[in-house]
Amino acid sequence: MDAINTVELKKVLAEQNIDTIKEFAEVCDIDRNIAAKVYRGKAKPGSETMFKIVAGLKLSPTRAGKIFFTF
């Protein structure tokens, strides 16, 4: 099982025309290696990284919950 809901995360990235892990990392101001692990569902981000992803992608609380807490 994935650490996060990668399907929902990938939907958000597609909606925002973020096509690469590098872009994902830059938009969210997180390390590219961490972004790759999160994208692939291999790591659940810590609270600081989660906050940066939520802020960088401008996620609503509901959408963030779907990604990080419902899978």
Protein backbone atom coordinates (compact mmCIF):
# COMPACT_ATOMS: atom_id res chain seq x y z
CA MET A 1 0.00 0.00 0.00
CA ASP A 2 1.19 3.50 -0.80
CA ALA A 3 2.13 5.91 1.98
CA ILE A 4 -0.18 8.52 0.44
CA ASN A 5 -2.93 8.64 -2.18
CA THR A 6 -0.70 8.93 -5.25
CA VAL A 7 -3.64 8.85 -7.65
CA GLU A 8 -5.08 12.00 -6.10
CA LEU A 9 -1.66 13.69 -5.97
CA LYS A 10 -1.07 12.92 -9.65
CA LYS A 11 -4.50 14.37 -10.51
CA VAL A 12 -3.58 17.62 -8.77
CA LEU A 13 -0.22 17.79 -10.53
CA ALA A 14 -1.87 17.17 -13.93
CA GLU A 15 -4.50 19.84 -13.25
CA GLN A 16 -1.71 22.31 -12.51
CA ASN A 17 0.35 21.24 -15.54
CA ILE A 18 3.21 20.06 -13.35
CA ASP A 19 4.78 17.42 -15.54
CA THR A 20 7.98 16.41 -13.76
CA ILE A 21 9.14 15.54 -10.28
CA LYS A 22 11.63 18.40 -10.57
CA GLU A 23 8.77 20.86 -11.18
CA PHE A 24 6.81 19.33 -8.29
CA ALA A 25 9.81 19.80 -5.99
CA GLU A 26 10.42 23.38 -7.14
CA VAL A 27 6.79 24.48 -6.80
CA CYS A 28 6.64 23.04 -3.29
CA ASP A 29 10.17 24.07 -2.27
CA ILE A 30 11.10 20.52 -1.24
CA ASP A 31 14.07 18.29 -2.01
CA ARG A 32 13.75 16.49 -5.35
CA ASN A 33 14.50 13.10 -3.77
CA ILE A 34 11.75 13.57 -1.21
CA ALA A 35 9.37 14.72 -3.95
CA ALA A 36 10.15 11.57 -5.93
CA LYS A 37 9.48 9.30 -2.95
CA VAL A 38 6.21 11.08 -2.16
CA TYR A 39 5.15 10.99 -5.84
CA ARG A 40 5.78 7.25 -6.00
CA GLY A 41 4.09 6.59 -2.66
CA LYS A 42 7.29 5.31 -1.11
CA ALA A 43 7.35 7.83 1.72
CA LYS A 44 4.80 9.69 3.79
CA PRO A 45 6.05 13.25 4.20
CA GLY A 46 6.68 14.75 7.60
CA SER A 47 4.53 17.64 8.77
CA GLU A 48 6.86 20.36 7.43
CA THR A 49 7.07 18.75 3.98
CA MET A 50 3.34 18.13 3.97
CA PHE A 51 2.73 21.80 4.77
CA LYS A 52 5.03 22.85 1.91
CA ILE A 53 3.20 20.56 -0.52
CA VAL A 54 -0.19 21.88 0.59
CA ALA A 55 1.01 25.49 0.27
CA GLY A 56 2.90 24.98 -2.99
CA LEU A 57 0.00 23.23 -4.69
CA LYS A 58 -2.58 25.52 -3.01
CA LEU A 59 -4.58 22.54 -1.80
CA SER A 60 -7.84 22.91 0.05
CA PRO A 61 -8.03 21.10 3.39
CA THR A 62 -10.38 18.54 1.84
CA ARG A 63 -8.06 17.82 -1.07
CA ALA A 64 -5.03 17.64 1.21
CA GLY A 65 -6.90 15.16 3.40
CA LYS A 66 -7.67 12.99 0.38
CA ILE A 67 -4.00 12.90 -0.53
CA PHE A 68 -2.39 12.45 2.86
CA PHE A 69 -4.98 10.73 5.02
CA THR A 70 -7.40 8.82 2.77
CA PHE A 71 -6.06 6.02 0.62
